[in-house]
Amino acid sequence: MLGARRVVVTGANKGIGLALVRALVAEGSTDVIMTFRKGNNGPEIYEQIRKECPNALLHYYLLDITDEASMCSWLAKAGFSS
């Protein structure tokens, strides 16, 4: 178990990313941040996981890791900038 850590999962709306989010939430990770690109089903997947695990501290952000402006914006919103 990871305990009280913030975990960021990219591509969290499908495949390995989604499986990882589900495993982390099931393990009781305290702060899981889901990221996915605009236009995907991410918000719907986020809501589904919230319903399954209402006590999980779960967040989501739209993020394109191939776009520098998107990364900088996300870092500031998620509280990672200094």
Protein backbone atom coordinates (compact mmCIF):
# COMPACT_ATOMS: atom_id res chain seq x y z
CA MET A 1 0.00 0.00 0.00
CA LEU A 2 1.25 3.48 -0.84
CA GLY A 3 -0.25 5.27 2.13
CA ALA A 4 -0.55 9.05 2.17
CA ARG A 5 0.85 9.89 -1.24
CA ARG A 6 -0.36 11.80 -4.26
CA VAL A 7 -0.42 9.56 -7.31
CA VAL A 8 -0.83 10.92 -10.85
CA VAL A 9 -2.08 8.53 -13.52
CA THR A 10 -2.01 9.60 -17.17
CA GLY A 11 -4.38 7.97 -19.62
CA ALA A 12 -6.60 7.17 -16.65
CA ASN A 13 -9.78 6.67 -18.66
CA LYS A 14 -8.84 3.37 -20.33
CA GLY A 15 -6.55 0.37 -20.37
CA ILE A 16 -3.62 0.20 -17.97
CA GLY A 17 -4.24 3.72 -16.64
CA LEU A 18 -7.82 2.91 -15.65
CA ALA A 19 -6.78 -0.42 -14.12
CA LEU A 20 -4.11 1.39 -12.10
CA VAL A 21 -6.61 3.99 -10.82
CA ARG A 22 -9.00 1.26 -9.74
CA ALA A 23 -6.20 -0.66 -7.97
CA LEU A 24 -4.93 2.46 -6.20
CA VAL A 25 -8.39 3.43 -4.98
CA ALA A 26 -9.05 -0.14 -3.84
CA GLU A 27 -5.74 -0.09 -1.91
CA GLY A 28 -6.80 3.08 -0.15
CA SER A 29 -4.35 5.52 -1.72
CA THR A 30 -5.20 8.90 -0.29
CA ASP A 31 -4.86 11.18 -3.29
CA VAL A 32 -5.30 9.83 -6.82
CA ILE A 33 -5.20 12.27 -9.73
CA MET A 34 -6.64 11.02 -13.00
CA THR A 35 -5.53 12.76 -16.18
CA PHE A 36 -6.75 12.31 -19.73
CA ARG A 37 -7.03 14.19 -22.98
CA LYS A 38 -9.89 16.44 -23.95
CA GLY A 39 -12.71 14.73 -25.80
CA ASN A 40 -12.32 11.38 -24.09
CA ASN A 41 -14.77 9.73 -21.73
CA GLY A 42 -12.66 10.69 -18.69
CA PRO A 43 -15.29 12.67 -16.77
CA GLU A 44 -17.76 9.80 -17.08
CA ILE A 45 -15.16 7.27 -15.89
CA TYR A 46 -14.26 9.59 -12.99
CA GLU A 47 -17.92 9.76 -11.91
CA GLN A 48 -18.25 5.98 -12.17
CA ILE A 49 -15.25 5.43 -9.87
CA ARG A 50 -16.56 8.08 -7.44
CA LYS A 51 -19.81 6.14 -7.17
CA GLU A 52 -17.95 2.86 -6.64
CA CYS A 53 -15.60 4.35 -3.99
CA PRO A 54 -17.28 7.44 -2.50
CA ASN A 55 -14.63 7.83 0.22
CA ALA A 56 -11.70 7.97 -2.21
CA LEU A 57 -9.88 11.26 -2.60
CA LEU A 58 -9.99 11.39 -6.38
CA HIS A 59 -9.46 14.26 -8.80
CA TYR A 60 -9.34 14.59 -12.56
CA TYR A 61 -7.77 17.01 -15.00
CA LEU A 62 -7.73 17.36 -18.74
CA LEU A 63 -4.10 17.02 -19.79
CA ASP A 64 -2.20 16.44 -23.01
CA ILE A 65 1.31 15.43 -21.95
CA THR A 66 2.59 16.14 -25.47
CA ASP A 67 1.65 19.84 -25.18
CA GLU A 68 3.91 22.07 -23.06
CA ALA A 69 1.21 24.68 -22.40
CA SER A 70 -1.17 21.95 -21.24
CA MET A 71 1.52 20.57 -18.91
CA CYS A 72 2.32 24.00 -17.41
CA SER A 73 -1.34 24.79 -16.86
CA TRP A 74 -1.96 21.42 -15.25
CA LEU A 75 1.07 21.69 -12.97
CA ALA A 76 -0.22 25.03 -11.64
CA LYS A 77 -3.81 23.78 -11.18
CA ALA A 78 -2.71 20.58 -9.46
CA GLY A 79 -0.47 22.42 -7.03
CA PHE A 80 2.85 21.15 -8.32
CA SER A 81 4.37 24.51 -9.28
CA SER A 82 6.64 26.36 -6.89
